[in-house]
Amino acid sequence: MSGVVTLLAVPCVILALAVPAPSVYYPALVAAQLLLFMSAGPINAAIINSVAATERASAFALSTFAIHLLGDVPSPVIIGHVSEASSLGHAVLIVPAAVVVSGLVWLAARAQPGGTQSRPARIAAANDGSESGRSNHPI
């Protein structure tokens, strides 16, 4: 779901950044933000389900660090260089391209084996070969 809603946000992001009329860019900005934030829930659920309870705080910290390292750190420099070479209007159009890349990354991650299964479900599936059909795993 995260990849789909992220990709659905792309046209809204383009409108919000390219159209000069406030009656268009304000609603487009709201719709883009709504769609982009909708991807956070499934991603956070995937993080929770993929690590042990004792590792969850560290996993969220690493996720937050990666988000800022890959987004907040390079974006001002990249957009600044492009705006100096052309214009700020052209430079901000890098943002929709980044949103497309992130949506494709989420879709690719979901396509990986076990990408939609929680850790307990993978453990239960791995232990399904027992005679009673019940897992001996404590989770």
N, C-alpha and C. Protein backbone atom coordinates (compact mmCIF):
# COMPACT_ATOMS: atom_id res chain seq x y z
N MET A 1 0.81 -1.19 0.00
CA MET A 1 0.00 0.00 0.00
C MET A 1 0.86 1.26 0.00
N SER A 2 2.00 1.24 0.68
CA SER A 2 2.85 2.42 0.77
C SER A 2 3.32 2.87 -0.61
N GLY A 3 3.72 1.92 -1.44
CA GLY A 3 4.19 2.26 -2.78
C GLY A 3 3.09 2.86 -3.63
N VAL A 4 1.89 2.30 -3.52
CA VAL A 4 0.76 2.77 -4.33
C VAL A 4 0.38 4.19 -3.94
N VAL A 5 0.20 4.46 -2.66
CA VAL A 5 -0.21 5.81 -2.24
C VAL A 5 0.90 6.82 -2.50
N THR A 6 2.15 6.40 -2.41
CA THR A 6 3.25 7.31 -2.72
C THR A 6 3.22 7.69 -4.20
N LEU A 7 2.99 6.71 -5.06
CA LEU A 7 2.91 7.02 -6.49
C LEU A 7 1.66 7.83 -6.83
N LEU A 8 0.58 7.61 -6.08
CA LEU A 8 -0.63 8.43 -6.30
C LEU A 8 -0.39 9.89 -5.93
N ALA A 9 0.57 10.15 -5.07
CA ALA A 9 0.88 11.52 -4.66
C ALA A 9 1.63 12.31 -5.72
N VAL A 10 2.27 11.63 -6.66
CA VAL A 10 3.12 12.31 -7.65
C VAL A 10 2.38 13.40 -8.43
N PRO A 11 1.21 13.13 -9.02
CA PRO A 11 0.54 14.22 -9.74
C PRO A 11 0.20 15.41 -8.84
N CYS A 12 -0.15 15.13 -7.61
CA CYS A 12 -0.46 16.21 -6.66
C CYS A 12 0.79 17.03 -6.34
N VAL A 13 1.92 16.36 -6.20
CA VAL A 13 3.18 17.06 -5.93
C VAL A 13 3.53 17.95 -7.12
N ILE A 14 3.37 17.42 -8.33
CA ILE A 14 3.67 18.22 -9.52
C ILE A 14 2.78 19.46 -9.57
N LEU A 15 1.48 19.27 -9.35
CA LEU A 15 0.56 20.43 -9.35
C LEU A 15 0.94 21.43 -8.27
N ALA A 16 1.26 20.94 -7.08
CA ALA A 16 1.59 21.83 -5.96
C ALA A 16 2.84 22.66 -6.25
N LEU A 17 3.76 22.11 -7.03
CA LEU A 17 5.02 22.80 -7.29
C LEU A 17 5.04 23.58 -8.60
N ALA A 18 4.16 23.23 -9.53
CA ALA A 18 4.24 23.82 -10.86
C ALA A 18 3.14 24.83 -11.19
N VAL A 19 2.01 24.75 -10.53
CA VAL A 19 0.89 25.63 -10.86
C VAL A 19 0.94 26.87 -9.96
N PRO A 20 0.89 28.07 -10.56
CA PRO A 20 1.00 29.29 -9.75
C PRO A 20 -0.29 29.71 -9.04
N ALA A 21 -1.42 29.12 -9.39
CA ALA A 21 -2.70 29.55 -8.80
C ALA A 21 -2.91 28.91 -7.43
N PRO A 22 -3.08 29.72 -6.38
CA PRO A 22 -3.31 29.16 -5.04
C PRO A 22 -4.53 28.24 -4.97
N SER A 23 -5.55 28.51 -5.77
CA SER A 23 -6.74 27.66 -5.74
C SER A 23 -6.44 26.25 -6.25
N VAL A 24 -5.31 26.08 -6.92
CA VAL A 24 -4.89 24.75 -7.39
C VAL A 24 -3.80 24.19 -6.49
N TYR A 25 -2.78 25.00 -6.18
CA TYR A 25 -1.66 24.41 -5.46
C TYR A 25 -1.94 24.13 -3.98
N TYR A 26 -2.84 24.88 -3.33
CA TYR A 26 -3.16 24.56 -1.94
C TYR A 26 -3.85 23.19 -1.81
N PRO A 27 -4.92 22.95 -2.57
CA PRO A 27 -5.53 21.61 -2.47
C PRO A 27 -4.58 20.49 -2.92
N ALA A 28 -3.77 20.78 -3.94
CA ALA A 28 -2.81 19.77 -4.40
C ALA A 28 -1.78 19.46 -3.32
N LEU A 29 -1.34 20.50 -2.62
CA LEU A 29 -0.38 20.31 -1.53
C LEU A 29 -0.98 19.49 -0.40
N VAL A 30 -2.23 19.78 -0.04
CA VAL A 30 -2.91 19.02 1.01
C VAL A 30 -3.06 17.56 0.60
N ALA A 31 -3.49 17.34 -0.64
CA ALA A 31 -3.67 15.96 -1.12
C ALA A 31 -2.33 15.22 -1.17
N ALA A 32 -1.28 15.90 -1.62
CA ALA A 32 0.04 15.27 -1.69
C ALA A 32 0.52 14.88 -0.29
N GLN A 33 0.39 15.79 0.67
CA GLN A 33 0.81 15.50 2.04
C GLN A 33 0.01 14.35 2.63
N LEU A 34 -1.28 14.36 2.41
CA LEU A 34 -2.13 13.28 2.92
C LEU A 34 -1.70 11.93 2.36
N LEU A 35 -1.50 11.88 1.05
CA LEU A 35 -1.09 10.62 0.43
C LEU A 35 0.30 10.19 0.89
N LEU A 36 1.22 11.13 0.99
CA LEU A 36 2.58 10.77 1.42
C LEU A 36 2.61 10.30 2.87
N PHE A 37 1.83 10.92 3.73
CA PHE A 37 1.80 10.48 5.13
C PHE A 37 1.04 9.17 5.30
N MET A 38 0.17 8.83 4.36
CA MET A 38 -0.53 7.53 4.43
C MET A 38 0.44 6.37 4.31
N SER A 39 1.59 6.59 3.69
CA SER A 39 2.57 5.51 3.55
C SER A 39 3.29 5.21 4.85
N ALA A 40 3.26 6.12 5.81
CA ALA A 40 4.00 5.93 7.06
C ALA A 40 3.44 4.79 7.90
N GLY A 41 2.13 4.64 7.96
CA GLY A 41 1.53 3.59 8.79
C GLY A 41 1.97 2.19 8.41
N PRO A 42 1.80 1.80 7.15
CA PRO A 42 2.25 0.46 6.77
C PRO A 42 3.76 0.24 6.93
N ILE A 43 4.53 1.28 6.69
CA ILE A 43 5.98 1.16 6.85
C ILE A 43 6.33 0.96 8.31
N ASN A 44 5.72 1.73 9.18
CA ASN A 44 5.97 1.57 10.62
C ASN A 44 5.51 0.20 11.11
N ALA A 45 4.38 -0.28 10.58
CA ALA A 45 3.92 -1.62 10.95
C ALA A 45 4.91 -2.68 10.49
N ALA A 46 5.47 -2.50 9.29
CA ALA A 46 6.46 -3.45 8.79
C ALA A 46 7.71 -3.46 9.67
N ILE A 47 8.12 -2.29 10.14
CA ILE A 47 9.28 -2.21 11.02
C ILE A 47 8.98 -2.94 12.33
N ILE A 48 7.81 -2.68 12.91
CA ILE A 48 7.44 -3.33 14.17
C ILE A 48 7.40 -4.85 14.01
N ASN A 49 6.84 -5.32 12.90
CA ASN A 49 6.68 -6.75 12.69
C ASN A 49 7.95 -7.47 12.26
N SER A 50 8.98 -6.72 11.91
CA SER A 50 10.18 -7.38 11.40
C SER A 50 11.32 -7.44 12.40
N VAL A 51 11.17 -6.82 13.55
CA VAL A 51 12.23 -6.85 14.56
C VAL A 51 11.67 -7.32 15.89
N ALA A 52 12.56 -7.81 16.71
CA ALA A 52 12.17 -8.23 18.06
C ALA A 52 11.76 -7.00 18.88
N ALA A 53 10.94 -7.22 19.88
CA ALA A 53 10.45 -6.12 20.71
C ALA A 53 11.59 -5.33 21.34
N THR A 54 12.66 -5.98 21.68
CA THR A 54 13.79 -5.29 22.31
C THR A 54 14.58 -4.44 21.31
N GLU A 55 14.36 -4.64 20.02
CA GLU A 55 15.08 -3.90 18.99
C GLU A 55 14.24 -2.81 18.33
N ARG A 56 12.98 -2.67 18.71
CA ARG A 56 12.07 -1.75 18.01
C ARG A 56 12.51 -0.29 18.12
N ALA A 57 12.93 0.14 19.27
CA ALA A 57 13.35 1.54 19.42
C ALA A 57 14.55 1.83 18.52
N SER A 58 15.49 0.91 18.48
CA SER A 58 16.66 1.09 17.61
C SER A 58 16.26 1.06 16.14
N ALA A 59 15.31 0.20 15.79
CA ALA A 59 14.85 0.12 14.40
C ALA A 59 14.18 1.42 13.97
N PHE A 60 13.35 1.99 14.83
CA PHE A 60 12.71 3.27 14.50
C PHE A 60 13.74 4.39 14.44
N ALA A 61 14.72 4.36 15.33
CA ALA A 61 15.78 5.38 15.30
C ALA A 61 16.57 5.29 14.00
N LEU A 62 16.90 4.08 13.59
CA LEU A 62 17.63 3.88 12.33
C LEU A 62 16.79 4.33 11.14
N SER A 63 15.51 4.02 11.17
CA SER A 63 14.60 4.44 10.10
C SER A 63 14.55 5.97 10.00
N THR A 64 14.39 6.63 11.13
CA THR A 64 14.33 8.10 11.14
C THR A 64 15.65 8.69 10.67
N PHE A 65 16.76 8.12 11.10
CA PHE A 65 18.07 8.59 10.67
C PHE A 65 18.22 8.44 9.16
N ALA A 66 17.82 7.29 8.62
CA ALA A 66 17.93 7.04 7.18
C ALA A 66 17.06 8.00 6.38
N ILE A 67 15.85 8.28 6.87
CA ILE A 67 14.96 9.22 6.19
C ILE A 67 15.63 10.59 6.07
N HIS A 68 16.19 11.05 7.17
CA HIS A 68 16.82 12.37 7.15
C HIS A 68 18.13 12.36 6.36
N LEU A 69 18.89 11.30 6.46
CA LEU A 69 20.15 11.21 5.73
C LEU A 69 19.92 11.19 4.22
N LEU A 70 18.90 10.47 3.79
CA LEU A 70 18.63 10.35 2.35
C LEU A 70 17.78 11.49 1.80
N GLY A 71 17.07 12.20 2.65
CA GLY A 71 16.18 13.26 2.17
C GLY A 71 16.60 14.65 2.56
N ASP A 72 16.61 14.92 3.85
CA ASP A 72 16.86 16.28 4.34
C ASP A 72 18.29 16.75 4.10
N VAL A 73 19.25 15.85 4.16
CA VAL A 73 20.64 16.27 4.02
C VAL A 73 20.99 16.64 2.58
N PRO A 74 20.73 15.77 1.60
CA PRO A 74 21.18 16.14 0.25
C PRO A 74 20.24 17.08 -0.51
N SER A 75 18.96 17.14 -0.14
CA SER A 75 18.01 17.89 -0.97
C SER A 75 18.32 19.39 -1.09
N PRO A 76 18.68 20.11 -0.03
CA PRO A 76 18.99 21.52 -0.23
C PRO A 76 20.20 21.75 -1.15
N VAL A 77 21.18 20.89 -1.03
CA VAL A 77 22.38 21.02 -1.86
C VAL A 77 22.03 20.75 -3.33
N ILE A 78 21.31 19.66 -3.58
CA ILE A 78 20.95 19.29 -4.95
C ILE A 78 20.05 20.35 -5.57
N ILE A 79 19.00 20.73 -4.87
CA ILE A 79 18.08 21.74 -5.40
C ILE A 79 18.80 23.08 -5.56
N GLY A 80 19.69 23.41 -4.66
CA GLY A 80 20.47 24.65 -4.78
C GLY A 80 21.34 24.67 -6.02
N HIS A 81 22.04 23.57 -6.29
CA HIS A 81 22.89 23.49 -7.49
C HIS A 81 22.07 23.59 -8.77
N VAL A 82 20.96 22.88 -8.80
CA VAL A 82 20.11 22.92 -10.00
C VAL A 82 19.51 24.31 -10.19
N SER A 83 19.10 24.95 -9.10
CA SER A 83 18.51 26.29 -9.22
C SER A 83 19.53 27.32 -9.69
N GLU A 84 20.80 27.16 -9.29
CA GLU A 84 21.84 28.07 -9.77
C GLU A 84 22.11 27.87 -11.25
N ALA A 85 21.97 26.62 -11.72
CA ALA A 85 22.21 26.32 -13.13
C ALA A 85 21.02 26.70 -14.00
N SER A 86 19.81 26.65 -13.44
CA SER A 86 18.63 26.99 -14.25
C SER A 86 17.75 27.97 -13.49
N SER A 87 16.79 27.44 -12.75
CA SER A 87 15.92 28.29 -11.93
C SER A 87 15.38 27.46 -10.77
N LEU A 88 14.89 28.13 -9.75
CA LEU A 88 14.30 27.42 -8.62
C LEU A 88 13.06 26.65 -9.04
N GLY A 89 12.29 27.22 -9.96
CA GLY A 89 11.10 26.54 -10.48
C GLY A 89 11.43 25.20 -11.11
N HIS A 90 12.54 25.15 -11.85
CA HIS A 90 12.97 23.87 -12.43
C HIS A 90 13.56 22.95 -11.37
N ALA A 91 14.28 23.53 -10.43
CA ALA A 91 14.96 22.73 -9.41
C ALA A 91 13.99 21.96 -8.53
N VAL A 92 12.87 22.59 -8.15
CA VAL A 92 11.94 21.89 -7.26
C VAL A 92 11.22 20.74 -7.95
N LEU A 93 11.30 20.69 -9.26
CA LEU A 93 10.67 19.57 -9.97
C LEU A 93 11.47 18.27 -9.82
N ILE A 94 12.59 18.35 -9.10
CA ILE A 94 13.31 17.14 -8.71
C ILE A 94 12.49 16.38 -7.67
N VAL A 95 11.71 17.10 -6.88
CA VAL A 95 10.94 16.48 -5.79
C VAL A 95 9.97 15.41 -6.31
N PRO A 96 9.16 15.67 -7.35
CA PRO A 96 8.30 14.59 -7.84
C PRO A 96 9.08 13.36 -8.31
N ALA A 97 10.25 13.59 -8.88
CA ALA A 97 11.08 12.45 -9.30
C ALA A 97 11.52 11.63 -8.09
N ALA A 98 11.87 12.31 -7.01
CA ALA A 98 12.26 11.61 -5.78
C ALA A 98 11.07 10.84 -5.21
N VAL A 99 9.88 11.40 -5.31
CA VAL A 99 8.68 10.70 -4.83
C VAL A 99 8.43 9.44 -5.66
N VAL A 100 8.64 9.52 -6.98
CA VAL A 100 8.50 8.34 -7.84
C VAL A 100 9.49 7.26 -7.41
N VAL A 101 10.74 7.65 -7.21
CA VAL A 101 11.76 6.69 -6.79
C VAL A 101 11.37 6.03 -5.47
N SER A 102 10.90 6.82 -4.50
CA SER A 102 10.53 6.24 -3.22
C SER A 102 9.33 5.29 -3.36
N GLY A 103 8.36 5.64 -4.18
CA GLY A 103 7.22 4.75 -4.41
C GLY A 103 7.66 3.43 -5.02
N LEU A 104 8.59 3.51 -5.97
CA LEU A 104 9.09 2.28 -6.60
C LEU A 104 9.91 1.44 -5.62
N VAL A 105 10.63 2.09 -4.73
CA VAL A 105 11.38 1.36 -3.70
C VAL A 105 10.41 0.61 -2.79
N TRP A 106 9.32 1.27 -2.37
CA TRP A 106 8.33 0.61 -1.50
C TRP A 106 7.71 -0.58 -2.23
N LEU A 107 7.39 -0.41 -3.52
CA LEU A 107 6.80 -1.52 -4.29
C LEU A 107 7.79 -2.67 -4.43
N ALA A 108 9.05 -2.36 -4.68
CA ALA A 108 10.08 -3.40 -4.80
C ALA A 108 10.28 -4.12 -3.48
N ALA A 109 10.25 -3.39 -2.37
CA ALA A 109 10.41 -4.01 -1.06
C ALA A 109 9.26 -4.95 -0.76
N ARG A 110 8.07 -4.58 -1.18
CA ARG A 110 6.90 -5.43 -0.96
C ARG A 110 6.97 -6.70 -1.79
N ALA A 111 7.61 -6.62 -2.95
CA ALA A 111 7.71 -7.77 -3.84
C ALA A 111 8.73 -8.79 -3.38
N GLN A 112 9.55 -8.46 -2.38
CA GLN A 112 10.55 -9.38 -1.87
C GLN A 112 9.88 -10.54 -1.14
N PRO A 113 10.50 -11.73 -1.15
CA PRO A 113 9.92 -12.86 -0.41
C PRO A 113 9.72 -12.49 1.06
N GLY A 114 8.52 -12.73 1.56
CA GLY A 114 8.20 -12.40 2.94
C GLY A 114 7.93 -10.93 3.14
N GLY A 115 7.86 -10.16 2.06
CA GLY A 115 7.69 -8.72 2.15
C GLY A 115 6.35 -8.31 2.74
N THR A 116 5.33 -9.16 2.64
CA THR A 116 4.03 -8.80 3.19
C THR A 116 3.69 -9.61 4.43
N GLN A 117 4.60 -10.49 4.84
CA GLN A 117 4.35 -11.34 6.00
C GLN A 117 5.04 -10.76 7.23
N SER A 118 4.38 -10.79 8.34
CA SER A 118 5.00 -10.32 9.57
C SER A 118 6.00 -11.36 10.07
N ARG A 119 6.89 -10.94 10.95
CA ARG A 119 7.89 -11.86 11.51
C ARG A 119 7.22 -13.04 12.21
N PRO A 120 6.21 -12.83 13.06
CA PRO A 120 5.56 -13.98 13.69
C PRO A 120 4.92 -14.92 12.67
N ALA A 121 4.37 -14.37 11.59
CA ALA A 121 3.76 -15.23 10.57
C ALA A 121 4.83 -16.05 9.85
N ARG A 122 6.00 -15.45 9.59
CA ARG A 122 7.09 -16.20 8.95
C ARG A 122 7.58 -17.30 9.87
N ILE A 123 7.69 -17.01 11.17
CA ILE A 123 8.15 -18.02 12.13
C ILE A 123 7.13 -19.15 12.21
N ALA A 124 5.85 -18.80 12.27
CA ALA A 124 4.81 -19.83 12.34
C ALA A 124 4.81 -20.68 11.08
N ALA A 125 5.01 -20.06 9.93
CA ALA A 125 5.05 -20.82 8.67
C ALA A 125 6.26 -21.75 8.64
N ALA A 126 7.39 -21.29 9.18
CA ALA A 126 8.59 -22.12 9.20
C ALA A 126 8.44 -23.31 10.15
N ASN A 127 7.65 -23.15 11.21
CA ASN A 127 7.47 -24.21 12.20
C ASN A 127 6.25 -25.07 11.93
N ASP A 128 5.59 -24.87 10.81
CA ASP A 128 4.36 -25.59 10.51
C ASP A 128 4.56 -27.09 10.28
N GLY A 129 5.77 -27.54 10.16
CA GLY A 129 5.99 -28.95 9.89
C GLY A 129 5.83 -29.85 11.09
N SER A 130 5.48 -29.32 12.24
CA SER A 130 5.32 -30.15 13.43
C SER A 130 4.11 -31.05 13.29
N GLU A 131 4.12 -32.18 13.99
CA GLU A 131 3.05 -33.18 13.89
C GLU A 131 1.70 -32.64 14.34
N SER A 132 1.69 -31.82 15.37
CA SER A 132 0.42 -31.33 15.90
C SER A 132 -0.11 -30.15 15.11
N GLY A 133 0.75 -29.60 14.23
CA GLY A 133 0.33 -28.43 13.48
C GLY A 133 0.47 -27.15 14.29
N ARG A 134 0.92 -27.27 15.53
CA ARG A 134 1.10 -26.09 16.37
C ARG A 134 2.60 -25.78 16.45
N SER A 135 2.89 -24.53 16.52
CA SER A 135 4.27 -24.09 16.61
C SER A 135 4.77 -24.23 18.04
N ASN A 136 6.03 -24.64 18.18
CA ASN A 136 6.65 -24.71 19.51
C ASN A 136 7.38 -23.41 19.83
N HIS A 137 7.34 -22.48 18.92
CA HIS A 137 8.05 -21.22 19.11
C HIS A 137 7.27 -20.36 20.10
N PRO A 138 7.97 -19.67 21.02
CA PRO A 138 7.28 -18.88 22.06
C PRO A 138 6.55 -17.65 21.52
N ILE A 139 6.80 -17.24 20.31
CA ILE A 139 6.14 -16.02 19.80
C ILE A 139 4.78 -16.35 19.26
